[in-house]
Protein backbone atom coordinates (compact mmCIF):
# COMPACT_ATOMS: atom_id res chain seq x y z
CA UNK A 1 -20.35 -5.53 -16.88
CA UNK A 2 -19.37 -8.07 -14.40
CA UNK A 3 -20.76 -7.27 -10.59
CA UNK A 4 -17.91 -6.53 -8.94
CA UNK A 5 -18.40 -9.74 -6.20
CA UNK A 6 -18.40 -11.52 -9.77
CA UNK A 7 -15.18 -10.13 -10.86
CA UNK A 8 -13.78 -10.70 -7.54
CA UNK A 9 -14.51 -14.61 -7.33
CA UNK A 10 -13.12 -15.37 -10.96
CA UNK A 11 -10.24 -13.76 -9.87
CA UNK A 12 -10.31 -15.79 -6.17
CA UNK A 13 -11.03 -18.79 -8.25
CA UNK A 14 -8.35 -19.03 -10.72
CA UNK A 15 -5.60 -18.06 -8.05
CA UNK A 16 -6.81 -20.50 -5.96
CA UNK A 17 -5.99 -23.12 -8.43
CA UNK A 18 -2.31 -21.88 -8.64
CA UNK A 19 -1.70 -22.21 -5.03
CA UNK A 20 -3.15 -24.08 -1.65
CA UNK A 21 -1.38 -21.13 0.88
CA UNK A 22 -3.40 -19.27 3.17
CA UNK A 23 -0.94 -16.27 4.06
CA UNK A 24 -2.09 -14.27 7.19
CA UNK A 25 0.28 -11.30 5.80
CA UNK A 26 -0.50 -9.13 3.12
CA UNK A 27 1.70 -6.82 1.67
CA UNK A 28 1.46 -4.42 -1.46
CA UNK A 29 4.48 -2.28 -2.69
CA UNK A 30 4.89 1.01 -3.87
CA UNK A 31 6.56 2.52 -6.83
CA UNK A 32 10.41 0.85 -7.27
CA UNK A 33 9.94 -1.16 -3.39
CA UNK A 34 9.76 -4.30 -5.64
CA UNK A 35 12.71 -6.02 -4.42
CA UNK A 36 11.60 -6.68 -1.45
CA UNK A 37 9.89 -9.77 -3.59
CA UNK A 38 13.60 -11.35 -3.65
CA UNK A 39 13.68 -12.19 0.19
CA UNK A 40 10.83 -14.81 -0.24
CA UNK A 41 11.21 -18.76 -0.86
CA UNK A 42 8.72 -21.06 -2.47
CA UNK A 43 6.95 -17.87 -4.58
CA UNK A 44 4.45 -19.03 -6.66
CA UNK A 45 4.17 -15.58 -9.36
CA UNK A 46 0.84 -14.68 -10.45
CA UNK A 47 1.37 -12.04 -13.75
CA UNK A 48 -2.08 -9.98 -13.13
CA UNK A 49 -2.78 -10.57 -17.19
CA UNK A 50 -3.71 -14.21 -16.58
CA UNK A 51 -6.03 -13.52 -14.30
CA UNK A 52 -9.83 -13.50 -15.09
CA UNK A 53 -11.45 -10.11 -14.66
CA UNK A 54 -8.32 -8.80 -13.11
CA UNK A 55 -7.92 -4.79 -13.65
CA UNK A 56 -3.72 -4.60 -14.98
CA UNK A 57 -0.96 -2.26 -13.89
CA UNK A 58 0.46 -0.07 -16.17
CA UNK A 59 2.84 2.54 -14.18
CA UNK A 60 6.55 2.30 -14.85
CA UNK A 61 8.07 0.65 -11.08
CA UNK A 62 5.00 -1.48 -10.93
CA UNK A 63 5.06 -4.83 -12.51
CA UNK A 64 1.90 -6.19 -12.06
CA UNK A 65 1.91 -9.67 -10.27
CA UNK A 66 0.67 -11.11 -7.45
CA UNK A 67 3.32 -12.90 -5.46
CA UNK A 68 2.77 -16.15 -2.68
CA UNK A 69 5.58 -17.10 -1.21
CA UNK A 70 7.50 -17.51 2.22
CA UNK A 71 9.43 -15.02 4.23
CA UNK A 72 11.28 -17.08 7.24
CA UNK A 73 8.52 -19.88 7.03
CA UNK A 74 6.01 -16.91 7.15
CA UNK A 75 3.25 -17.30 4.60
CA UNK A 76 2.45 -14.29 3.16
CA UNK A 77 0.94 -12.68 0.02
CA UNK A 78 2.25 -9.47 -2.19
CA UNK A 79 1.21 -7.27 -4.83
CA UNK A 80 4.51 -6.65 -6.72
CA UNK A 81 3.06 -3.35 -8.69
CA UNK A 82 -0.12 -1.55 -7.46
CA UNK A 83 -3.25 -0.25 -9.11
CA UNK A 84 -3.92 3.19 -9.16
CA UNK A 85 -7.30 5.47 -9.54
CA UNK A 86 -5.63 7.79 -12.26
CA UNK A 87 -4.79 4.44 -14.66
CA UNK A 88 -8.89 5.08 -15.32
CA UNK A 89 -9.93 2.66 -13.07
CA UNK A 90 -12.46 3.05 -10.32
CA UNK A 91 -11.23 2.66 -6.57
CA UNK A 92 -13.68 0.01 -6.10
CA UNK A 93 -11.93 -1.94 -9.04
CA UNK A 94 -8.60 -1.04 -8.20
CA UNK A 95 -8.87 -2.57 -4.40
CA UNK A 96 -9.85 -6.01 -6.27
CA UNK A 97 -6.82 -7.52 -5.26
CA UNK A 98 -7.26 -6.18 -0.98
CA UNK A 99 -10.36 -8.20 -0.83
CA UNK A 100 -9.12 -11.44 -3.01
CA UNK A 101 -6.34 -11.25 -0.45
CA UNK A 102 -9.09 -11.01 2.66
CA UNK A 103 -10.37 -14.36 1.05
CA UNK A 104 -7.31 -15.68 0.74
CA UNK A 105 -6.89 -15.22 4.92
CA UNK A 106 -4.97 -12.17 5.19
CA UNK A 107 -5.35 -10.77 8.61
CA UNK A 108 -3.05 -8.01 8.80
CA UNK A 109 -2.33 -6.08 5.21
CA UNK A 110 1.07 -3.99 4.86
CA UNK A 111 0.75 -0.74 2.41
CA UNK A 112 3.81 0.60 1.29
CA UNK A 113 4.00 3.97 -0.87
CA UNK A 114 6.33 6.16 -2.69
CA UNK A 115 5.54 9.59 -1.52
CA UNK A 116 6.33 13.29 -1.32
CA UNK A 117 7.31 15.19 1.72
CA UNK A 118 5.42 17.51 2.83
CA UNK A 119 6.84 18.09 6.28
CA UNK A 120 10.00 20.54 6.32
CA UNK A 121 11.62 18.08 8.60
CA UNK A 122 11.68 15.37 5.79
CA UNK A 123 14.00 14.85 3.39
CA UNK A 124 14.70 12.36 0.63
CA UNK A 125 15.13 8.97 1.93
CA UNK A 126 12.61 9.20 5.13
CA UNK A 127 11.04 6.30 6.30
CA UNK A 128 7.20 7.60 7.62
CA UNK A 129 4.99 5.27 9.86
CA UNK A 130 1.83 6.22 8.25
CA UNK A 131 -0.79 7.13 11.21
CA UNK A 132 -3.84 8.18 9.74
CA UNK A 133 -4.68 9.81 5.89
CA UNK A 134 -6.62 12.37 4.39
CA UNK A 135 -8.58 11.37 1.54
CA UNK A 136 -8.52 14.00 -1.38
CA UNK A 137 -8.62 11.54 -4.12
CA UNK A 138 -12.18 12.98 -4.82
CA UNK A 139 -13.66 9.26 -4.99
CA UNK A 140 -14.19 6.57 -2.33
CA UNK A 141 -14.19 2.58 -3.19
CA UNK A 142 -16.95 1.99 -0.81
CA UNK A 143 -19.47 3.99 -2.81
CA UNK A 144 -22.09 2.10 -4.23
CA UNK A 145 -23.60 -1.42 -2.82
CA UNK A 146 -22.60 -2.38 -0.08
CA UNK A 147 -20.39 -5.94 -0.09
CA UNK A 148 -22.53 -7.37 3.05
CA UNK A 149 -19.60 -10.61 2.58
CA UNK A 150 -16.82 -8.57 3.45
CA UNK A 151 -18.40 -5.54 5.93
CA UNK A 152 -20.50 -3.14 7.38
CA UNK A 153 -22.05 -0.82 4.84
CA UNK A 154 -20.43 2.23 7.36
CA UNK A 155 -17.26 0.65 8.60
CA UNK A 156 -15.58 2.64 11.74
CA UNK A 157 -12.29 4.22 10.80
CA UNK A 158 -11.21 5.94 13.88
CA UNK A 159 -8.19 3.34 13.68
CA UNK A 160 -7.76 2.92 10.49
CA UNK A 161 -3.68 2.03 10.56
CA UNK A 162 -3.76 0.42 13.58
CA UNK A 163 -2.17 2.24 16.56
CA UNK A 164 -1.06 -0.87 18.81
CA UNK A 165 1.07 -2.17 15.46
CA UNK A 166 2.80 1.27 14.47
CA UNK A 167 3.84 1.46 18.71
CA UNK A 168 5.49 -2.12 18.47
CA UNK A 169 6.93 -1.51 15.25
CA UNK A 170 8.29 2.16 16.26
CA UNK A 171 10.18 -0.42 19.03
CA UNK A 172 11.73 -2.48 16.69
CA UNK A 173 12.51 0.04 14.69
CA UNK A 174 14.97 1.97 17.11
CA UNK A 175 16.48 -1.36 18.48
CA UNK A 176 17.53 -2.01 15.14
CA UNK A 177 19.00 1.20 14.53
CA UNK A 178 16.48 2.58 11.67
CA UNK A 179 15.35 5.51 11.84
CA UNK A 180 11.40 5.61 11.25
CA UNK A 181 9.27 8.65 11.53
CA UNK A 182 5.31 9.10 11.80
CA UNK A 183 2.80 11.27 9.89
CA UNK A 184 0.03 11.96 7.90
CA UNK A 185 -0.32 10.15 4.56
CA UNK A 186 -2.55 12.44 1.78
CA UNK A 187 -4.08 11.17 -1.30
CA UNK A 188 -4.29 13.05 -4.81
CA UNK A 189 -6.17 11.56 -7.71
CA UNK A 190 -2.81 12.23 -9.90
CA UNK A 191 -1.51 11.89 -12.17
CA UNK A 192 -0.22 15.31 -12.31
CA UNK A 193 1.73 15.80 -9.30
CA UNK A 194 0.53 19.03 -7.38
CA UNK A 195 0.72 22.38 -7.35
CA UNK A 196 2.90 24.40 -5.08
CA UNK A 197 -0.37 25.79 -3.36
CA UNK A 198 -2.25 22.51 -2.98
CA UNK A 199 1.22 21.50 -1.58
CA UNK A 200 0.98 24.60 0.93
CA UNK A 201 -2.55 24.02 1.61
CA UNK A 202 -2.12 20.29 2.37
CA UNK A 203 0.45 21.02 5.14
CA UNK A 204 -1.74 23.89 6.36
CA UNK A 205 -4.55 21.02 7.23
CA UNK A 206 -2.19 18.55 8.37
CA UNK A 207 -0.44 16.34 6.51
CA UNK A 208 3.15 15.28 5.96
CA UNK A 209 3.52 13.18 2.83
CA UNK A 210 1.33 13.09 -0.11
CA UNK A 211 1.06 10.37 -2.88
CA UNK A 212 -1.35 8.58 -5.56
CA UNK A 213 -2.27 5.48 -3.77
CA UNK A 214 -2.85 3.77 -0.24
CA UNK A 215 -6.12 5.55 0.97
CA UNK A 216 -8.05 2.92 -1.23
CA UNK A 217 -6.42 0.30 -0.12
CA UNK A 218 -6.84 0.74 3.41
CA UNK A 219 -10.34 2.09 3.43
CA UNK A 220 -11.22 -1.76 1.76
CA UNK A 221 -9.17 -3.30 4.16
CA UNK A 222 -10.77 -1.71 7.27
CA UNK A 223 -13.62 -2.86 5.75
CA UNK A 224 -12.99 -6.35 5.52
CA UNK A 225 -11.97 -6.27 9.28
CA UNK A 226 -8.10 -6.16 8.77
CA UNK A 227 -5.38 -4.74 10.69
CA UNK A 228 -3.40 -1.84 8.52
CA UNK A 229 0.40 -0.81 8.69
CA UNK A 230 1.42 1.67 6.31
CA UNK A 231 4.88 2.68 5.39
CA UNK A 232 5.86 5.57 3.09
CA UNK A 233 9.29 5.95 1.23
CA UNK A 234 9.98 9.93 1.09
CA UNK A 235 11.27 9.83 -2.27
CA UNK A 236 10.96 12.97 -3.31
CA UNK A 237 10.29 16.59 -1.66
CA UNK A 238 6.41 17.56 -2.45
CA UNK A 239 6.13 20.62 -5.26
CA UNK A 240 7.36 23.75 -4.16
CA UNK A 241 9.46 22.48 -1.29
CA UNK A 242 12.50 22.57 -3.38
CA UNK A 243 13.59 24.49 -6.17
CA UNK A 244 13.48 22.00 -8.84
CA UNK A 245 10.94 20.12 -11.29
CA UNK A 246 9.61 16.70 -10.19
CA UNK A 247 10.31 13.04 -12.18
CA UNK A 248 9.31 9.80 -11.87
CA UNK A 249 12.04 8.80 -12.39
CA UNK A 250 13.92 10.43 -9.42
CA UNK A 251 10.83 8.16 -7.33
CA UNK A 252 12.39 5.35 -8.30
CA UNK A 253 16.17 6.08 -7.89
CA UNK A 254 15.32 7.27 -4.13
CA UNK A 255 13.81 3.90 -3.24
CA UNK A 256 16.46 1.78 -4.80
CA UNK A 257 18.91 4.29 -2.54
CA UNK A 258 16.76 3.41 0.62
CA UNK A 259 15.41 -0.03 0.00
CA UNK A 260 17.87 -1.91 2.23
CA UNK A 261 16.43 0.18 5.22
CA UNK A 262 12.84 -0.28 3.71
CA UNK A 263 13.50 -3.97 2.75
CA UNK A 264 14.36 -4.64 6.92
CA UNK A 265 11.49 -2.52 8.28
CA UNK A 266 9.30 -4.45 6.18
CA UNK A 267 10.94 -7.86 7.38
CA UNK A 268 10.61 -6.61 10.45
CA UNK A 269 6.93 -5.85 10.35
CA UNK A 270 6.32 -9.29 8.92
CA UNK A 271 7.87 -10.94 12.00
CA UNK A 272 6.36 -8.87 14.28
CA UNK A 273 2.61 -9.30 13.07
CA UNK A 274 3.14 -13.32 12.59
CA UNK A 275 4.25 -13.66 16.02
CA UNK A 276 1.10 -10.83 17.18
CA UNK A 277 -1.28 -13.95 14.77
């Protein structure tokens, strides 16, 4: 079995044969949020299945492609479809794309996800800026031999979702008439949805939204020295909040309904980050 560093090197070498771009901004798109790609120009799309030693996405709503292009002349790289721990990969494997982004030149990573609302003040379609996270996945992508080329053995995570960028984006959102909340995201491993008892526990420990992604990517991005913005789209209320069953189709449908505000917010975040670079 290839070492993680060799998998990263092989995948990166192939991607570099397809593009010479050196993007400073990276974006990972969550379930049903891939339409943002349509706003890019000069795109180079590289399906995951073409990349050597690269894990494949198997979930509806996650197409599975590296897309390198420009938004308003700002070079970016976006993952159209993320990888998940519940698909059977290790967390170090599902975060290979983050390490590749670092090698391509990315300095700021924008993480997006579809999440379940735990905060009772939220409703379907709420946009939440992630202020912090709780890792209830049962794993950590930094377990194992440290990749010294990327970062230290014990990275600091006291400002994992960069406070300075959050403050600026909240101000921009207000000025643009976008309703943007802020809260703590908790990661559960999945693939089943959480039980009502688990949601009550998560609320008690301070979580506002729950999902099955993002945390491993944020940890690896921090290890790589990147700044991070996290945005959750509340596509459903978590188990037990409303008297109805949960369904992944609902996640996709709600994401489609709010994609206009979501796309606008993401575009504003990219412009903000590029001006700070």
